Structures are given as structure tokens and as C-alpha cells.
Protein backbone atom coordinates (compact mmCIF):
# COMPACT_ATOMS: atom_id res chain seq x y z
CA MET A 1 -0.17 25.21 16.36
CA HIS A 2 2.95 26.90 14.86
CA ARG A 3 3.23 26.06 11.15
CA MET A 4 0.20 23.76 11.31
CA ILE A 5 -1.40 25.81 8.50
CA GLU A 6 0.45 27.42 5.62
CA SER A 7 0.50 31.21 5.72
CA GLU A 8 -2.21 32.69 3.50
CA GLY A 9 0.29 35.35 2.44
CA ILE A 10 2.56 32.66 1.00
CA ASP A 11 0.01 30.13 -0.21
CA SER A 12 -1.66 30.50 -3.61
CA PRO A 13 -2.92 28.33 -6.49
CA GLN A 14 0.35 29.06 -8.30
CA ARG A 15 2.41 27.89 -5.32
CA MET A 16 0.30 24.72 -5.10
CA LEU A 17 1.02 23.90 -8.75
CA GLN A 18 4.71 24.62 -8.26
CA MET A 19 4.80 22.26 -5.27
CA VAL A 20 2.97 19.59 -7.28
CA GLU A 21 5.53 19.84 -10.08
CA ILE A 22 8.41 19.59 -7.62
CA GLN A 23 6.83 16.61 -5.86
CA GLN A 24 6.19 14.77 -9.13
CA GLN A 25 9.95 14.75 -9.66
CA LYS A 26 10.34 12.82 -6.39
CA SER A 27 8.57 9.61 -7.31
CA GLY A 28 8.69 7.01 -4.56
CA TYR A 29 9.02 9.56 -1.76
CA ALA A 30 6.50 10.71 0.83
CA ILE A 31 4.97 14.10 0.06
CA ASP A 32 6.13 17.43 1.38
CA SER A 33 4.48 18.83 4.51
CA TYR A 34 3.06 21.64 2.37
CA PHE A 35 0.31 19.30 1.15
CA TYR A 36 -0.87 18.64 4.71
CA LYS A 37 -1.17 22.29 5.76
CA SER A 38 -2.08 24.33 2.68
CA PRO A 39 -5.61 25.84 2.77
CA ILE A 40 -5.51 26.36 -1.00
CA THR A 41 -4.70 22.69 -1.49
CA PHE A 42 -7.38 21.57 0.97
CA ASP A 43 -10.05 23.56 -0.88
CA ARG A 44 -8.90 21.97 -4.12
CA GLU A 45 -9.12 18.52 -2.52
CA LEU A 46 -12.71 19.12 -1.45
CA ASP A 47 -13.72 20.30 -4.92
CA SER A 48 -11.81 17.71 -6.94
CA ILE A 49 -11.80 14.66 -4.67
CA LEU A 50 -14.43 14.66 -1.93
CA PHE A 51 -17.25 16.11 -4.02
CA LYS A 52 -16.32 14.22 -7.20
CA SER A 53 -15.80 10.74 -5.77
CA TRP A 54 -18.11 7.81 -5.25
CA ILE A 55 -18.48 7.55 -1.48
CA TYR A 56 -20.19 4.95 0.70
CA ALA A 57 -23.16 6.71 2.31
CA GLY A 58 -24.99 3.91 4.14
CA HIS A 59 -26.61 0.50 3.92
CA GLU A 60 -30.19 -0.33 3.04
CA SER A 61 -30.66 -2.10 6.38
CA GLN A 62 -30.32 1.28 8.11
CA ILE A 63 -33.50 2.58 6.47
CA PRO A 64 -35.77 -0.48 6.39
CA GLU A 65 -39.20 1.24 6.56
CA ILE A 66 -40.92 3.98 4.59
CA GLY A 67 -39.92 7.34 6.06
CA ASP A 68 -36.69 6.06 7.66
CA TYR A 69 -33.65 8.22 6.99
CA ILE A 70 -29.98 8.72 7.85
CA GLN A 71 -27.66 11.56 6.91
CA LEU A 72 -24.17 11.71 5.45
CA LYS A 73 -22.23 14.90 6.14
CA LEU A 74 -19.58 16.00 3.63
CA GLY A 75 -17.77 19.22 4.44
CA ASN A 76 -20.47 21.82 5.03
CA ASP A 77 -23.01 19.77 3.09
CA ALA A 78 -25.36 16.97 4.07
CA ILE A 79 -27.09 14.26 2.05
CA ILE A 80 -30.25 12.55 3.26
CA LEU A 81 -30.73 8.86 2.51
CA CYS A 82 -34.36 7.88 2.96
CA ARG A 83 -36.93 5.32 1.89
CA ASP A 84 -39.80 6.99 0.04
CA GLU A 85 -43.51 6.18 -0.13
CA ALA A 86 -42.89 3.58 -2.85
CA GLY A 87 -40.18 1.87 -0.78
CA THR A 88 -37.42 3.21 -3.03
CA VAL A 89 -34.15 4.51 -1.57
CA GLN A 90 -33.60 8.19 -2.31
CA ALA A 91 -30.53 10.41 -1.90
CA LEU A 92 -31.37 14.09 -1.39
CA PHE A 93 -29.32 17.19 -0.70
CA ASN A 94 -30.43 18.60 2.64
CA ILE A 95 -30.94 22.11 1.26
CA CYS A 96 -34.32 23.82 0.90
CA ARG A 97 -34.88 25.02 -2.68
CA HIS A 98 -36.19 28.35 -1.37
CA ARG A 99 -33.38 29.99 0.61
CA GLY A 100 -31.18 27.08 1.61
CA SER A 101 -32.22 26.06 5.11
CA ARG A 102 -31.73 22.47 6.23
CA VAL A 103 -34.99 20.53 5.92
CA CYS A 104 -33.87 17.59 8.09
CA GLN A 105 -32.32 18.20 11.49
CA GLN A 106 -31.45 14.84 13.08
CA GLN A 107 -28.78 12.36 12.06
CA SER A 108 -31.35 9.58 11.72
CA GLY A 109 -35.03 8.93 12.36
CA SER A 110 -38.35 8.55 10.58
CA LEU A 111 -40.53 11.24 9.01
CA LYS A 112 -43.56 11.50 6.74
CA THR A 113 -42.28 14.64 5.01
CA PHE A 114 -39.31 16.98 5.17
CA VAL A 115 -40.37 20.43 6.36
CA CYS A 116 -38.21 23.53 6.14
CA PRO A 117 -38.24 25.18 9.58
CA TYR A 118 -37.67 28.62 8.06
CA HIS A 119 -40.59 29.30 5.69
CA GLY A 120 -42.48 26.03 5.86
CA TRP A 121 -41.87 24.51 2.44
CA VAL A 122 -42.78 20.82 2.55
CA TYR A 123 -41.11 18.03 0.57
CA ASN A 124 -42.23 14.46 -0.07
CA LEU A 125 -39.92 11.59 0.77
CA ASP A 126 -38.87 11.34 -2.87
CA GLY A 127 -37.73 14.96 -2.75
CA SER A 128 -40.60 16.43 -4.75
CA LEU A 129 -42.08 19.69 -3.48
CA ARG A 130 -45.47 19.12 -1.85
CA LEU A 131 -46.21 22.61 -0.56
CA ALA A 132 -44.64 26.04 -0.93
CA ARG A 133 -46.72 28.27 1.31
CA GLU A 134 -48.44 31.11 -0.58
CA MET A 135 -46.01 30.88 -3.51
CA ASP A 136 -49.03 30.88 -5.84
CA ALA A 137 -48.60 34.68 -5.65
CA LEU A 138 -45.72 34.15 -8.11
CA GLU A 139 -47.40 33.35 -11.44
CA THR A 140 -44.35 31.67 -12.92
CA PHE A 141 -43.74 29.40 -9.92
CA ASN A 142 -43.78 25.69 -10.83
CA PRO A 143 -43.48 23.21 -7.91
CA ASP A 144 -41.99 20.61 -10.25
CA ASP A 145 -38.94 22.83 -10.70
CA HIS A 146 -38.19 23.09 -7.00
CA GLY A 147 -37.80 19.59 -5.61
CA LEU A 148 -34.77 18.76 -3.49
CA ARG A 149 -31.67 18.28 -5.60
CA LYS A 150 -30.18 14.80 -5.82
CA PRO A 151 -26.58 13.55 -6.03
CA GLY A 152 -25.71 10.56 -8.17
CA MET A 153 -26.54 7.30 -6.41
CA ILE A 154 -26.02 3.58 -6.93
CA ILE A 155 -26.87 0.62 -4.69
CA PHE A 156 -24.51 -2.34 -4.84
CA HIS A 157 -25.40 -5.40 -2.76
CA GLY A 158 -27.19 -3.14 -0.26
CA LEU A 159 -24.30 -0.66 -0.07
CA ILE A 160 -25.43 2.85 -1.03
CA PHE A 161 -22.89 5.07 -2.82
CA ILE A 162 -23.33 8.73 -3.76
CA ASN A 163 -21.41 11.17 -5.92
CA CYS A 164 -22.03 14.92 -5.80
CA ASN A 165 -20.65 15.51 -9.29
CA PRO A 166 -23.57 15.77 -11.76
CA GLU A 167 -21.25 14.90 -14.63
CA THR A 168 -19.74 11.80 -13.05
CA ALA A 169 -19.44 8.52 -14.88
CA SER A 170 -21.41 5.54 -13.61
CA PHE A 171 -19.84 3.49 -10.83
CA ALA A 172 -21.55 0.33 -12.09
CA PRO A 173 -18.82 -0.86 -14.51
CA ASP A 174 -16.22 -0.58 -11.75
CA LEU A 175 -18.34 -2.46 -9.25
CA ASP A 176 -19.01 -5.19 -11.82
CA ILE A 177 -15.27 -5.96 -11.75
CA ILE A 178 -15.35 -7.01 -8.09
CA GLU A 179 -18.85 -8.48 -8.16
CA PRO A 180 -17.72 -12.13 -8.41
CA ALA A 181 -15.46 -11.70 -5.35
CA ILE A 182 -17.99 -9.90 -3.15
CA ARG A 183 -21.17 -11.73 -4.19
CA GLY A 184 -20.80 -14.60 -1.73
CA TYR A 185 -21.01 -12.31 1.32
CA ASP A 186 -24.60 -11.44 0.31
CA LEU A 187 -24.29 -7.93 1.73
CA ALA A 188 -27.79 -7.08 0.48
CA ARG A 189 -29.05 -9.44 3.19
CA ALA A 190 -26.62 -8.27 5.85
CA LYS A 191 -27.17 -5.71 8.58
CA VAL A 192 -25.14 -3.00 10.27
CA ILE A 193 -24.59 -3.89 13.93
CA GLU A 194 -22.31 -0.99 14.77
CA SER A 195 -21.05 2.24 13.19
CA GLN A 196 -18.39 4.28 14.94
CA THR A 197 -16.78 7.59 14.01
CA TYR A 198 -13.17 7.91 15.15
CA LYS A 199 -12.12 11.54 14.98
CA VAL A 200 -8.46 12.27 14.42
CA ASN A 201 -6.89 15.71 14.54
CA ALA A 202 -4.81 15.21 11.43
CA ASN A 203 -5.04 15.83 7.72
CA TRP A 204 -7.14 13.25 5.89
CA LYS A 205 -4.24 12.09 3.72
CA LEU A 206 -2.29 10.97 6.78
CA ALA A 207 -5.26 8.83 7.85
CA LEU A 208 -5.74 7.39 4.37
CA GLU A 209 -2.04 6.69 3.80
CA ASN A 210 -1.97 4.86 7.13
CA TYR A 211 -4.78 2.56 5.94
CA LEU A 212 -3.09 1.93 2.59
CA GLU A 213 0.02 0.35 4.08
CA CYS A 214 0.73 -2.43 6.56
CA TYR A 215 4.38 -1.55 7.08
CA HIS A 216 3.34 -0.27 10.52
CA CYS A 217 1.20 -3.28 11.44
CA ALA A 218 3.89 -5.37 13.12
CA THR A 219 4.92 -2.54 15.43
CA ALA A 220 1.65 -0.64 15.99
CA HIS A 221 -1.01 -3.39 15.89
CA ARG A 222 0.11 -6.45 17.83
CA ALA A 223 -3.37 -8.01 18.09
CA TYR A 224 -3.92 -7.63 14.34
CA ALA A 225 -0.40 -8.72 13.42
CA ARG A 226 -0.54 -12.08 15.17
CA LEU A 227 -3.52 -13.05 12.98
CA HIS A 228 -2.90 -11.49 9.57
CA SER A 229 -0.09 -12.40 7.18
CA LEU A 230 -0.40 -9.04 5.39
CA LYS A 231 2.18 -7.61 7.81
CA ASP A 232 4.93 -9.76 6.26
CA PRO A 233 6.67 -9.50 2.87
CA ARG A 234 4.85 -11.54 0.22
CA GLU A 235 7.76 -13.92 -0.32
CA LYS A 236 7.91 -14.77 3.38
CA VAL A 237 4.25 -15.89 3.47
CA LYS A 238 3.98 -17.11 -0.12
CA ALA A 239 3.49 -20.77 0.86
CA LEU A 240 0.83 -19.85 3.42
CA ASN A 241 -1.11 -17.83 0.83
CA THR A 242 -0.73 -20.49 -1.86
CA GLU A 243 -2.16 -23.15 0.43
CA MET A 244 -5.08 -20.92 1.46
CA LEU A 245 -6.00 -19.98 -2.11
CA ALA A 246 -5.81 -23.62 -3.20
CA ARG A 247 -8.52 -24.64 -0.73
CA THR A 248 -10.70 -21.50 -0.86
CA GLU A 249 -13.31 -22.59 -3.41
CA GLN A 250 -13.72 -26.09 -2.00
CA VAL A 251 -13.97 -24.98 1.65
CA THR A 252 -16.20 -21.94 1.09
CA GLY A 253 -18.26 -23.38 -1.75
CA LEU A 254 -17.81 -20.12 -3.65
CA LYS A 255 -16.15 -19.24 -6.94
CA GLY A 256 -14.54 -15.86 -7.60
CA LEU A 257 -13.05 -15.30 -4.15
CA THR A 258 -9.49 -15.82 -5.36
CA THR A 259 -9.60 -13.31 -8.23
CA GLU A 260 -7.38 -10.27 -7.81
CA ASN A 261 -8.09 -6.88 -9.36
CA TYR A 262 -6.38 -3.52 -9.23
CA HIS A 263 -8.34 -0.75 -10.92
CA ALA A 264 -7.95 2.03 -8.37
CA TYR A 265 -6.58 5.59 -8.42
CA SER A 266 -4.72 6.22 -11.71
CA ALA A 267 -5.79 2.74 -12.93
CA ALA A 268 -9.49 3.54 -12.41
CA SER A 269 -11.79 3.85 -15.40
CA HIS A 270 -12.77 7.39 -14.39
CA HIS A 271 -11.93 10.02 -11.79
CA GLY A 272 -13.78 9.40 -8.53
CA GLY A 273 -14.29 5.70 -9.18
CA GLY A 274 -11.98 2.72 -9.00
CA VAL A 275 -12.01 -0.65 -7.24
CA ASP A 276 -9.54 -3.18 -5.93
CA HIS A 277 -9.74 -6.72 -4.52
CA SER A 278 -7.23 -9.16 -3.08
CA ARG A 279 -7.33 -12.13 -0.72
CA TYR A 280 -4.63 -13.10 1.75
CA ALA A 281 -4.12 -15.70 4.45
CA LEU A 282 -4.56 -15.57 8.17
CA PHE A 283 -1.93 -17.47 10.09
CA ASP A 284 -2.57 -21.15 10.82
CA GLY A 285 -5.11 -21.78 13.56
CA PHE A 286 -7.06 -18.56 12.94
CA SER A 287 -10.40 -18.35 11.12
CA THR A 288 -11.41 -14.69 11.29
CA GLY A 289 -10.46 -11.24 12.55
CA SER A 290 -11.38 -11.38 16.22
CA ARG A 291 -9.86 -11.24 19.69
CA ASP A 292 -8.62 -14.86 19.45
CA GLY A 293 -9.04 -15.46 15.72
CA GLN A 294 -12.04 -17.74 16.26
CA PRO A 295 -15.53 -17.25 14.74
CA VAL A 296 -17.69 -14.50 16.24
CA ALA A 297 -20.85 -14.70 14.09
CA PRO A 298 -22.66 -17.03 11.66
CA LEU A 299 -21.08 -17.40 8.23
CA MET A 300 -21.95 -14.61 5.83
CA GLY A 301 -24.18 -15.19 2.82
CA SER A 302 -23.35 -18.36 0.92
CA PHE A 303 -20.14 -19.27 2.75
CA ARG A 304 -19.97 -22.93 3.77
CA GLY A 305 -16.77 -22.76 5.80
CA TYR A 306 -13.62 -20.90 6.82
CA ASP A 307 -10.72 -21.09 4.38
CA GLY A 308 -8.30 -19.18 6.60
CA GLY A 309 -8.45 -16.13 4.34
CA ALA A 310 -9.56 -12.49 4.45
CA ALA A 311 -10.50 -10.17 1.59
CA ASP A 312 -9.58 -6.55 1.01
CA PHE A 313 -11.76 -4.36 -1.22
CA GLN A 314 -11.41 -0.77 -2.34
CA LEU A 315 -14.61 1.01 -3.33
CA GLY A 316 -13.77 4.43 -4.77
CA PRO A 317 -10.90 6.62 -3.54
CA LEU A 318 -11.98 6.92 0.11
CA CYS A 319 -13.80 3.69 1.05
CA PHE A 320 -12.55 0.19 1.82
CA MET A 321 -13.84 -3.15 3.13
CA LEU A 322 -12.13 -5.96 5.01
CA ASN A 323 -14.31 -9.06 4.69
CA TYR A 324 -14.05 -12.22 6.76
CA PRO A 325 -16.24 -15.30 6.25
CA ASP A 326 -18.36 -14.39 9.31
CA HIS A 327 -18.41 -10.57 9.32
CA CYS A 328 -17.37 -7.57 7.25
CA VAL A 329 -15.79 -4.26 8.21
CA LEU A 330 -16.05 -1.07 6.14
CA TYR A 331 -13.80 1.99 6.46
CA ARG A 332 -14.64 5.46 5.13
CA PHE A 333 -12.36 8.52 5.35
CA ILE A 334 -14.03 11.96 5.34
CA PRO A 335 -12.05 15.22 5.52
CA ARG A 336 -13.70 17.70 7.92
CA LYS A 337 -11.12 20.47 8.21
CA ILE A 338 -7.54 20.80 7.09
CA ASN A 339 -6.41 19.01 10.28
CA GLU A 340 -9.58 17.08 11.18
CA THR A 341 -10.64 13.75 9.71
CA ASP A 342 -13.47 11.32 10.45
CA MET A 343 -12.62 7.64 10.17
CA GLU A 344 -15.98 5.88 9.97
CA VAL A 345 -15.94 2.13 10.70
CA VAL A 346 -19.00 -0.03 10.03
CA TRP A 347 -19.48 -3.68 11.05
CA PHE A 348 -21.81 -6.07 9.19
CA VAL A 349 -23.15 -9.53 10.00
CA ARG A 350 -25.82 -11.55 8.23
CA ALA A 351 -29.30 -10.09 8.67
CA ASP A 352 -30.86 -13.10 10.40
CA ALA A 353 -28.14 -13.33 13.08
CA VAL A 354 -29.56 -12.67 16.56
CA GLU A 355 -27.52 -10.57 18.97
CA GLY A 356 -26.80 -12.39 22.22
CA THR A 357 -27.53 -15.76 20.61
CA ASP A 358 -25.58 -15.83 17.33
CA TYR A 359 -23.09 -13.08 18.10
CA ILE A 360 -21.94 -10.70 20.81
CA LYS A 361 -21.48 -7.25 19.34
CA ASN A 362 -18.43 -6.34 21.42
CA GLU A 363 -16.66 -9.49 20.27
CA VAL A 364 -17.40 -8.78 16.60
CA THR A 365 -16.12 -5.21 16.90
CA TRP A 366 -13.22 -5.80 19.33
CA LEU A 367 -10.29 -6.18 16.91
CA TRP A 368 -11.02 -3.29 14.58
CA ASP A 369 -12.11 -0.97 17.36
CA LYS A 370 -8.78 -1.65 19.09
CA THR A 371 -6.85 -1.31 15.83
CA THR A 372 -8.53 1.96 14.88
CA ARG A 373 -7.87 3.48 18.30
CA GLU A 374 -4.23 2.52 17.83
CA ASP A 375 -4.36 4.19 14.42
CA GLN A 376 -5.69 7.38 16.01
CA TYR A 377 -2.58 7.49 18.19
CA ILE A 378 -0.01 6.83 15.48
CA ILE A 379 -1.66 9.16 12.96
CA MET A 380 -1.54 11.98 15.51
CA ARG A 381 2.16 11.31 16.12
CA ASN A 382 2.67 11.28 12.35
CA SER A 383 0.84 14.61 12.05
CA GLU A 384 3.01 16.22 14.71
CA GLY A 385 6.13 15.08 12.89
CA VAL A 386 5.21 16.18 9.35
CA HIS A 387 4.35 19.64 10.67
CA SER A 388 7.84 20.06 12.09
CA ARG A 389 10.01 22.63 10.33
CA PHE A 390 12.72 19.91 10.24
CA PHE A 391 10.62 17.20 8.49
CA GLU A 392 12.22 15.83 5.33
CA PRO A 393 10.15 13.19 3.44
CA GLY A 394 11.78 9.79 3.13
CA PRO A 395 11.33 6.95 0.61
CA TYR A 396 8.33 4.64 0.61
CA HIS A 397 8.93 0.91 1.12
CA PRO A 398 8.67 -0.61 -2.40
CA GLU A 399 6.35 -3.43 -1.33
CA HIS A 400 4.64 -2.49 1.93
CA GLU A 401 3.85 1.06 0.80
CA TRP A 402 3.19 0.56 -2.89
CA LEU A 403 -0.46 1.59 -2.51
CA CYS A 404 0.67 4.85 -0.89
CA MET A 405 2.77 5.49 -4.00
CA ARG A 406 -0.19 4.79 -6.28
CA PHE A 407 -2.37 7.13 -4.22
CA VAL A 408 0.20 9.95 -4.24
CA GLU A 409 0.67 9.65 -8.01
CA TRP A 410 -3.11 9.98 -8.53
CA TYR A 411 -3.42 12.71 -5.92
CA LEU A 412 -0.77 14.91 -7.52
CA ASP A 413 -2.27 14.40 -10.99
CA THR A 414 -5.65 15.44 -9.54
CA LEU A 415 -4.27 18.68 -8.10
CA ALA A 416 -2.54 19.48 -11.38
CA ASN A 417 -5.52 18.76 -13.63
CA ASP A 418 -7.87 21.73 -14.04
CA ASP A 419 -10.34 19.59 -16.05
CA ILE A 420 -11.22 17.21 -13.18
């Protein structure tokens, strides 16, 4: 573990800002190892990125009935997503308003109320305080003032996003940008068939940077690379993409799928938001992202056929989707500790698809389970290297790693900006 964490005697907010200034003079280069091992920097990231970003928290299909709930854990905090007595989705901080105990213990389940195990305060499913035992002894006590606190929340085509920043801007205008491209998948009437957490002992930025580039795809992901043209330079597969985009609307029966948008990171309308969408071709003979490139589930939403394309979406700084005509895959990156990251992968199919008849779960999940396990391996090797005393950052590839450059630009601006 030598040099895995910056010495507290050396690290400081002033040193972080000095390192940011130095790094900003090295545009187009990977960032110094300092940013992967500085506790001061990691604390700043939690405050300014994790807890001020719109983050995918779950899907409505995971809480179908009144009382159903799931939890999202962020750092040392937890947010409950539940369906209240009126059938409305609620997002609630899992913190008793008395002395802070957790009021919900399990990761998922169904309850009629949330009860604090410490002093017995009881909360309704909408977060309002139902009972505070014997607190009538305090004349000024008002139950209406002590309901569970709530983060910001928005539901977009069944996808539930939260933001812990009470002063955040709405995510709705950003999501409206990609609405025409994502509408046809009808995610509101989809269902989660699998959700896996892949833990990686590496800083979260290494995991995120790995997702943002496909420079490594040809060498690290052979199963993925034989299907997806994203591994190649744009000019090399230009004709393939042009042909795919020309037939997309006619084959799928959907408009809007071919629009491209980039409004992420520094191009986002506000800090913590941002979206992106692009569509690219699969190689000839392949229809979807699967073991053999052949369909693995019924067509999503309003799709009428396979155009030989796949769609990439970005949904805030830490969440992404890869959508095929017959299933969708969502990625979420959550920092846990300075050298621990959770990569959450979620698979969707249409809600009326029957397992064993319309799809086999292991076949739907095969490609991206395999790819993510490969990512675990290469990210760990990357982490070992950047923590070496001899590591010297090299230049990003101008095309394959352009999203990494956009992320780093935004990331450094975030660390330097006290107003975020």
C-alpha cells in the first residue's frame, strides 16, 4: 500500500489547488497520480461532485406496490426510494429526525411505516412523522417540522434520479434534450431483470475514465470489439455508420434516434447535470449486444426492427446507458473510499417479456457482465501503475479519449471552484 494515499502531512487544500493549477497547464494529458490518492481531494470530490450531481437511483419497476422500497447508498449516506400510500414515488434520506439513527435497515423490501429502532419514532411512507413517542412533553414540538428530509428527485421514463444538493437546478431541461432519442425504448414500461455491483479497488476516476474511452476495447474486450464499431477510428467505419443511420428511421419506425447531442461536463447547463447521446453501428451481421450478436429479448418499446445500431447516453456526470433495440444497459459509478469504487450495472427489457419464454436472463446479461469483469481487471492494473513513484502521465488519444479530456477539464474546474 506504499504511496497509495497521499501523506496527510503533505496534503492540504492549498496543495490541491496548486496541483489543479499545474494540471490545467497540461491540457490533453492524463492527470497526475496525486488526484487518485489525495484524501483532501477525495473529500472535495464527495462534496462537490457526488452530493451535487444528478444520479440514477433506481427504476419504478423495482418498487411496484405501495410500501415497496429500495435503498441507494452514497458515501456514508443512504436514500430510500419507496412508493407511498397514494402510489407516489418518494425519495427520503434514511436519517431519523430525532438523533440520526437509520429508520430502514434492509436494502429492499416492503413496509407499512419506517420505524426508528432507537427511540421508536414512526414515519409514514411519504416521510411525514406519524408518531414521536412522548414528545408532547415538549410544548414547542411540531410533528410537521420533523418529517424525513428529501433530496431532489425527478422521474424520467421510469428512471428515478436524485440530487442531494438543495440548491440544484432542475434536471428536466437537460433530459428534454435527449427525450426524442430515448422515447422509443419506452423505459417507463420496461423492467429491471438484473442489477449487479462490481467492486473495484481503485479510485472512482480510473473506473469512470475507463468507461469514457474505447481506446482499450480492441485489446481488452474481444467479445465486445467484434460486434461494435466504436473501437475503430470514425473515418475507418464512416461508411458503415452512414449506411446504418440512413436506414434507422425506416427500419425501427422511430424518429429522433439519429440525433446527436453533447451537453455534458463543461458543456452542461448546470453543475451536476448534463446529457449526451450518439448512435453508432454494429458490424454487419450483428443486431444487438449479445454473445453472438443476435437478438436476446423482444424489441423494446415502439421499435419495429433492428437497424444494426446501438445508442450511447450520458445522464449526469456519473451515469450512462447503452441501449440496443431489444435491451438496455445502465452503468452507474459510485465512489466508496479513496481506492474503492462500485460499478453498478443494470439490465432492462420490456415489462411484458416473460423470462424463460421471451428471454433467458444469462444471455441478456452475458456480454456486459463479461466486459465489466474485464474492466475490473484492467482498472486494477491501471491503479497499480498510477500509484507507482515512477508514473508519468502521457497524452490522451485525440479521438478515442476525447471524452476523458472533457471530463478532466470539468473535473479540474470543479476542484478549483469554491462556489460549486
